[in-house]
Amino acid sequence: MDITRRHLWMALGGALPLSCLVAARKRYSSVPFLITVDVHKRPNLYDEINRCLDRLAESSLQVTFLVVANLTGDIQIRRVLRRIITEGHQVGCHGLTHEGDEDYYTNPVAVQEKNLACAKQLLEQALGTSVGTFRAPAFRISHETLQVLDSLGYVADLSVCSERLPLLSSQIGNYQWMCSPRTPYHPRQNNPYERGALALLEIPTSAALVPLMSSVNSVSVLLNEIVTNILKYEASIIRKPIVYQCHPEDFILYEQHQQHFHFAWRSLLPSDRYGIPLRWALQETDGRVLFQRNQQFLAFLRNTQTFQFMTVDGYIMVHGKTLGG
C-alpha cells in the first residue's frame, strides 16, 4: 500500500504531547527555530564550511555550529571558525575527537572532565571568545556529563531528544528520552532527563517519535515536513523552541555516488551506539539527490512565516528569564 500524507499524519499524530490538546491556552505567533550544524572531520571540510556559510548568507539564516574541538589544530579550520563568528553565527562544542572511545554515556567521570575541559580550551583559544553550548557525539550523555558541563561553565546542552523513538537512535535502549521534558529545563544532578537545579540549561533537540534531523530527508522530505508541522503546532501553544540538527554538507552540492546497502543478517541486530543497521537501507546516498531534498526542506522552513531563526545564544538572551521553569 502506498503511504500517503494522510497515513503519515495519522501515524505521527500519537506523538503530540497532551499539552497540545489544551486548546484554551494562548497561541504564540512566533516560534523560535534553532538550526544546529554538527561539524565532523571530512576530507574537504574547510571548503564545505565556507560554501555552507555562503548559502546561509544568501538565506539570511543564523545558525549554531557545534564543532569537534581537535579540528582547530588545522589553521584553515581556525580561520573559517572565525568567519562563522564574524558573520553572526555561533560556535559551540561537539566533543573533543568524536572518535569511538569518546563516549559520554560510558566514560568515567575523570575522562569526561579531561575531554570536556580540553575541548572548551581548544575552541576558545581558536575563537578568542567563550564557548558555552555543547552537544555530545551521537547524543550520548550521562548525568555525570551534565554535572561536568555545569562545573566548567557551559550554559546549554542539546544532547537530549525528547520523545525520540530509541529504535531510530544511537541509544537504542534509552527509553528515558520518551518521558523527558519537551521544553528547555534545568536538569537534576543525578538524572539528565528530569527537571532539577543545575544551572546548565538543557534545550532538547526536537523529535516527535521521529527526530527533526537532516538525515530524515534522506528517507523522506515529506516526513520531515510533517514532523515540523507537529512541532510547530506544539511550540505555538507551550512556547518552546524547535531544534533542527544537520551538517555543513547538507547546505551544498557535493559529489557522492549512490552507495548500495549490502544486506547481512547482522544488519538486523541492534547496536547501542548505531541503532539497527537495516535502517540505513532506507536512506538515499546520492549527493545530488540529497542536495535537492535538503534544499526543498530549507525552502519549506524559510516559507513558514511563524519561524524566528536564531542561534542558541540568541535564544537564551531573548528568552532567558522565562526558561527552565
Protein backbone atom coordinates (compact mmCIF):
# COMPACT_ATOMS: atom_id res chain seq x y z
CA MET A 1 0.00 0.00 0.00
CA ASP A 2 1.30 3.45 -0.89
CA ILE A 3 1.98 5.73 2.07
CA THR A 4 0.01 8.94 1.64
CA ARG A 5 0.25 12.25 3.51
CA ARG A 6 -2.90 11.28 5.42
CA HIS A 7 -1.37 7.99 6.59
CA LEU A 8 1.73 9.77 7.85
CA TRP A 9 -0.33 12.33 9.72
CA MET A 10 -2.29 9.52 11.40
CA ALA A 11 0.87 7.61 12.32
CA LEU A 12 2.63 10.61 13.81
CA GLY A 13 -0.41 12.12 15.48
CA GLY A 14 0.22 9.99 18.54
CA ALA A 15 3.49 11.81 19.11
CA LEU A 16 1.73 15.02 20.11
CA PRO A 17 2.07 15.66 23.84
CA LEU A 18 -1.12 16.21 25.80
CA SER A 19 -0.28 19.87 26.22
CA CYS A 20 -1.00 20.40 22.53
CA LEU A 21 -4.58 19.28 23.06
CA VAL A 22 -5.36 22.06 25.54
CA ALA A 23 -6.98 24.44 23.09
CA ALA A 24 -7.71 27.06 25.72
CA ARG A 25 -4.07 28.02 26.08
CA LYS A 26 -2.66 31.09 24.38
CA ARG A 27 -1.30 30.63 20.86
CA TYR A 28 2.06 32.25 20.09
CA SER A 29 2.56 33.76 16.65
CA SER A 30 6.38 33.49 16.65
CA VAL A 31 8.20 30.17 17.12
CA PRO A 32 11.99 30.20 17.81
CA PHE A 33 13.76 27.88 15.37
CA LEU A 34 17.34 26.83 16.18
CA ILE A 35 19.32 25.29 13.30
CA THR A 36 22.25 23.38 14.79
CA VAL A 37 25.04 22.26 12.48
CA ASP A 38 27.26 19.41 13.73
CA VAL A 39 30.78 19.70 12.29
CA HIS A 40 32.80 16.48 11.99
CA LYS A 41 36.05 15.64 10.25
CA ARG A 42 35.60 15.35 6.45
CA PRO A 43 38.09 15.37 3.54
CA ASN A 44 37.05 18.83 2.24
CA LEU A 45 35.72 20.31 5.46
CA TYR A 46 37.24 23.80 5.07
CA ASP A 47 35.71 24.24 1.62
CA GLU A 48 32.37 22.76 2.72
CA ILE A 49 32.02 25.13 5.71
CA ASN A 50 32.89 28.14 3.53
CA ARG A 51 30.32 27.13 0.92
CA CYS A 52 27.80 26.47 3.69
CA LEU A 53 28.37 29.99 5.03
CA ASP A 54 27.86 31.42 1.55
CA ARG A 55 24.47 29.69 1.32
CA LEU A 56 23.49 30.86 4.80
CA ALA A 57 24.35 34.45 3.83
CA GLU A 58 22.02 34.15 0.84
CA SER A 59 19.23 32.87 3.11
CA SER A 60 19.81 35.34 5.98
CA LEU A 61 19.77 32.46 8.48
CA GLN A 62 21.55 32.47 11.83
CA VAL A 63 22.72 29.05 12.97
CA THR A 64 24.80 27.37 15.67
CA PHE A 65 27.80 25.31 14.56
CA LEU A 66 28.76 22.57 17.03
CA VAL A 67 32.40 21.77 16.30
CA VAL A 68 34.66 18.85 17.23
CA ALA A 69 37.43 20.65 19.13
CA ASN A 70 40.52 18.85 17.80
CA LEU A 71 39.69 20.17 14.32
CA THR A 72 41.13 23.50 15.49
CA GLY A 73 44.62 22.05 15.04
CA ASP A 74 44.19 22.93 11.34
CA ILE A 75 44.92 26.62 10.67
CA GLN A 76 42.35 26.71 7.85
CA ILE A 77 39.65 25.43 10.19
CA ARG A 78 40.55 28.09 12.76
CA ARG A 79 40.20 30.69 10.01
CA VAL A 80 36.76 29.51 8.93
CA LEU A 81 35.58 29.25 12.55
CA ARG A 82 36.42 32.91 12.99
CA ARG A 83 34.43 33.65 9.82
CA ILE A 84 31.46 31.89 11.43
CA ILE A 85 31.59 34.28 14.38
CA THR A 86 32.18 37.35 12.20
CA GLU A 87 29.06 36.57 10.16
CA GLY A 88 26.80 36.44 13.21
CA HIS A 89 26.60 32.71 13.78
CA GLN A 90 27.61 30.81 16.92
CA VAL A 91 30.24 28.15 17.60
CA GLY A 92 29.66 25.51 20.25
CA CYS A 93 31.37 22.28 21.23
CA HIS A 94 30.67 18.81 19.80
CA GLY A 95 33.23 16.94 21.86
CA LEU A 96 36.99 16.63 21.66
CA THR A 97 37.58 13.99 18.96
CA HIS A 98 34.21 12.40 18.05
CA GLU A 99 36.03 9.07 17.94
CA GLY A 100 34.59 5.81 19.23
CA ASP A 101 36.40 5.99 22.56
CA GLU A 102 34.82 9.38 23.39
CA ASP A 103 31.51 8.19 24.80
CA TYR A 104 29.94 10.39 27.47
CA TYR A 105 27.37 7.69 28.23
CA THR A 106 30.03 5.24 29.45
CA ASN A 107 33.31 7.15 30.01
CA PRO A 108 34.49 7.54 33.64
CA VAL A 109 33.96 10.98 35.15
CA ALA A 110 37.69 11.75 35.18
CA VAL A 111 37.91 11.08 31.43
CA GLN A 112 34.86 13.24 30.76
CA GLU A 113 36.30 16.10 32.81
CA LYS A 114 39.60 15.94 30.92
CA ASN A 115 37.98 15.77 27.48
CA LEU A 116 35.40 18.49 28.07
CA ALA A 117 37.88 20.91 29.65
CA CYS A 118 40.37 20.35 26.83
CA ALA A 119 37.67 20.76 24.15
CA LYS A 120 36.47 24.04 25.65
CA GLN A 121 40.02 25.38 25.91
CA LEU A 122 40.90 24.48 22.30
CA LEU A 123 37.79 26.13 20.89
CA GLU A 124 38.09 29.26 22.99
CA GLN A 125 41.75 29.69 22.04
CA ALA A 126 40.87 29.31 18.36
CA LEU A 127 37.96 31.76 18.54
CA GLY A 128 39.17 34.27 21.10
CA THR A 129 35.73 34.13 22.75
CA SER A 130 33.89 31.95 25.23
CA VAL A 131 32.13 28.72 24.24
CA GLY A 132 29.09 27.75 26.28
CA THR A 133 26.97 25.36 24.18
CA PHE A 134 27.53 21.60 23.90
CA ARG A 135 26.13 18.58 22.10
CA ALA A 136 27.57 15.16 22.83
CA PRO A 137 28.82 12.96 19.99
CA ALA A 138 25.97 10.64 18.97
CA PHE A 139 23.75 12.37 21.59
CA ARG A 140 25.20 10.08 24.28
CA ILE A 141 25.39 11.60 27.78
CA SER A 142 25.12 10.61 31.42
CA HIS A 143 24.14 12.64 34.47
CA GLU A 144 27.87 12.99 35.21
CA THR A 145 28.28 14.70 31.83
CA LEU A 146 25.85 17.46 32.72
CA GLN A 147 27.50 17.97 36.11
CA VAL A 148 30.90 18.35 34.43
CA LEU A 149 29.49 20.75 31.81
CA ASP A 150 27.90 22.78 34.58
CA SER A 151 31.14 22.96 36.58
CA LEU A 152 33.11 24.08 33.50
CA GLY A 153 30.77 26.98 32.85
CA TYR A 154 28.84 25.62 29.87
CA VAL A 155 25.48 27.35 29.59
CA ALA A 156 23.43 24.97 27.42
CA ASP A 157 23.36 21.34 26.31
CA LEU A 158 21.49 19.94 23.30
CA SER A 159 22.08 16.21 23.77
CA VAL A 160 18.56 15.09 24.77
CA CYS A 161 15.97 14.18 22.11
CA SER A 162 12.63 14.29 23.91
CA GLU A 163 10.17 11.65 22.69
CA ARG A 164 12.53 10.26 20.07
CA LEU A 165 11.89 6.58 19.43
CA PRO A 166 15.06 4.78 20.64
CA LEU A 167 14.94 2.28 17.77
CA LEU A 168 15.83 5.20 15.48
CA SER A 169 18.70 6.45 17.59
CA SER A 170 22.28 5.88 18.72
CA GLN A 171 20.98 4.86 22.17
CA ILE A 172 18.66 2.05 21.31
CA GLY A 173 17.91 1.20 24.94
CA ASN A 174 17.41 4.75 26.21
CA TYR A 175 13.67 4.91 26.80
CA GLN A 176 14.13 7.77 29.27
CA TRP A 177 14.07 10.03 26.19
CA MET A 178 10.39 9.18 25.80
CA CYS A 179 9.39 10.87 29.06
CA SER A 180 11.97 13.68 29.28
CA PRO A 181 10.71 17.32 29.29
CA ARG A 182 9.99 18.82 25.88
CA THR A 183 10.59 22.42 26.92
CA PRO A 184 14.03 23.76 27.97
CA TYR A 185 14.80 22.75 31.56
CA HIS A 186 17.48 22.71 34.23
CA PRO A 187 18.34 19.01 34.80
CA ARG A 188 18.68 17.12 38.04
CA GLN A 189 22.19 16.31 39.21
CA ASN A 190 21.54 12.56 39.10
CA ASN A 191 19.23 12.38 36.08
CA PRO A 192 19.66 14.29 32.80
CA TYR A 193 16.06 13.52 31.79
CA GLU A 194 14.28 15.20 34.73
CA ARG A 195 13.96 18.79 35.91
CA GLY A 196 16.29 19.81 38.70
CA ALA A 197 18.60 22.50 39.98
CA LEU A 198 21.67 22.53 37.70
CA ALA A 199 22.47 25.96 36.31
CA LEU A 200 23.07 24.34 32.92
CA LEU A 201 20.08 24.59 30.58
CA GLU A 202 19.01 21.54 28.62
CA ILE A 203 17.46 22.56 25.28
CA PRO A 204 16.07 19.34 23.80
CA THR A 205 16.73 18.55 20.15
CA SER A 206 13.27 18.25 18.64
CA ALA A 207 11.52 14.96 17.92
CA ALA A 208 8.02 13.57 17.61
CA LEU A 209 8.97 9.89 17.69
CA VAL A 210 10.95 10.73 14.54
CA PRO A 211 13.83 13.18 15.15
CA LEU A 212 13.96 16.54 13.37
CA MET A 213 17.22 15.98 11.53
CA SER A 214 18.61 16.33 8.01
CA SER A 215 19.17 12.56 7.93
CA VAL A 216 15.39 12.13 7.73
CA ASN A 217 15.47 13.97 4.38
CA SER A 218 17.49 11.05 3.03
CA VAL A 219 14.39 8.94 3.63
CA SER A 220 11.54 11.40 3.01
CA VAL A 221 11.30 15.19 2.91
CA LEU A 222 7.55 14.86 3.42
CA LEU A 223 8.15 13.02 6.69
CA ASN A 224 10.38 15.86 7.95
CA GLU A 225 7.77 18.44 6.93
CA ILE A 226 5.06 16.57 8.82
CA VAL A 227 7.22 16.31 11.94
CA THR A 228 7.98 20.05 11.66
CA ASN A 229 4.28 20.91 11.43
CA ILE A 230 3.55 18.83 14.52
CA LEU A 231 6.35 20.57 16.41
CA LYS A 232 5.23 24.00 15.17
CA TYR A 233 1.73 23.42 16.50
CA GLU A 234 3.11 22.28 19.84
CA ALA A 235 5.52 25.23 20.07
CA SER A 236 2.76 27.71 19.27
CA ILE A 237 0.90 26.53 22.38
CA ILE A 238 3.52 25.85 25.03
CA ARG A 239 6.22 28.38 23.99
CA LYS A 240 9.24 26.24 23.18
CA PRO A 241 11.94 26.32 20.51
CA ILE A 242 12.22 23.89 17.63
CA VAL A 243 15.76 22.49 17.34
CA TYR A 244 16.87 21.03 13.99
CA GLN A 245 20.10 19.02 13.61
CA CYS A 246 22.09 18.94 10.37
CA HIS A 247 25.65 19.18 8.94
CA PRO A 248 27.56 21.69 6.75
CA GLU A 249 27.40 19.39 3.74
CA ASP A 250 23.59 19.48 3.86
CA PHE A 251 23.66 23.06 2.54
CA ILE A 252 25.82 22.42 -0.52
CA LEU A 253 26.09 20.24 -3.61
CA TYR A 254 28.89 17.70 -3.33
CA GLU A 255 29.83 14.67 -5.37
CA GLN A 256 28.81 11.38 -3.81
CA HIS A 257 27.72 8.39 -5.84
CA GLN A 258 24.87 6.12 -4.84
CA GLN A 259 26.04 3.69 -2.18
CA HIS A 260 24.22 0.38 -2.23
CA PHE A 261 23.28 -1.25 1.05
CA HIS A 262 24.56 -4.83 1.34
CA PHE A 263 22.19 -6.86 3.45
CA ALA A 264 23.60 -9.26 6.04
CA TRP A 265 21.85 -10.96 8.91
CA ARG A 266 23.81 -8.83 11.36
CA SER A 267 22.01 -5.84 9.83
CA LEU A 268 19.01 -6.90 11.91
CA LEU A 269 20.96 -6.88 15.17
CA PRO A 270 20.60 -3.71 17.25
CA SER A 271 23.68 -1.82 18.40
CA ASP A 272 23.57 0.52 21.38
CA ARG A 273 25.68 3.09 19.50
CA TYR A 274 24.37 2.73 15.94
CA GLY A 275 20.80 1.51 16.31
CA ILE A 276 19.54 -1.08 13.82
CA PRO A 277 21.83 -1.04 10.75
CA LEU A 278 18.98 -2.09 8.45
CA ARG A 279 17.53 1.44 8.75
CA TRP A 280 20.40 2.65 6.54
CA ALA A 281 18.86 0.69 3.65
CA LEU A 282 16.07 3.28 3.57
CA GLN A 283 18.41 6.25 3.11
CA GLU A 284 19.25 7.97 -0.16
CA THR A 285 23.02 8.35 -0.60
CA ASP A 286 23.43 10.06 -3.98
CA GLY A 287 24.88 13.52 -3.34
CA ARG A 288 22.79 15.33 -5.96
CA VAL A 289 19.53 13.84 -4.74
CA LEU A 290 20.41 14.67 -1.13
CA PHE A 291 21.19 18.27 -2.10
CA GLN A 292 17.82 18.64 -3.82
CA ARG A 293 15.97 17.18 -0.84
CA ASN A 294 17.79 19.34 1.71
CA GLN A 295 17.15 22.46 -0.38
CA GLN A 296 13.48 21.53 -0.60
CA PHE A 297 13.26 21.24 3.17
CA LEU A 298 15.13 24.50 3.79
CA ALA A 299 12.75 26.26 1.40
CA PHE A 300 9.86 24.80 3.39
CA LEU A 301 11.37 26.20 6.62
CA ARG A 302 12.02 29.65 5.16
CA ASN A 303 8.46 29.83 3.80
CA THR A 304 6.97 29.09 7.23
CA GLN A 305 6.13 32.60 8.39
CA THR A 306 5.98 31.82 12.13
CA PHE A 307 9.61 30.68 12.46
CA GLN A 308 12.13 33.06 14.01
CA PHE A 309 15.61 31.70 13.18
CA MET A 310 18.25 32.34 15.85
CA THR A 311 21.37 30.91 17.47
CA VAL A 312 21.30 29.09 20.80
CA ASP A 313 22.92 32.09 22.49
CA GLY A 314 20.42 34.41 20.84
CA TYR A 315 17.53 32.30 22.05
CA ILE A 316 18.83 32.28 25.64
CA MET A 317 19.44 36.03 25.50
CA VAL A 318 15.85 36.74 24.38
CA HIS A 319 14.02 34.13 26.43
CA GLY A 320 16.45 33.52 29.31
CA LYS A 321 14.27 34.95 32.07
CA THR A 322 11.43 32.54 31.30
CA LEU A 323 13.46 29.36 30.65
CA GLY A 324 13.87 26.26 32.76
CA GLY A 325 10.77 26.63 34.90
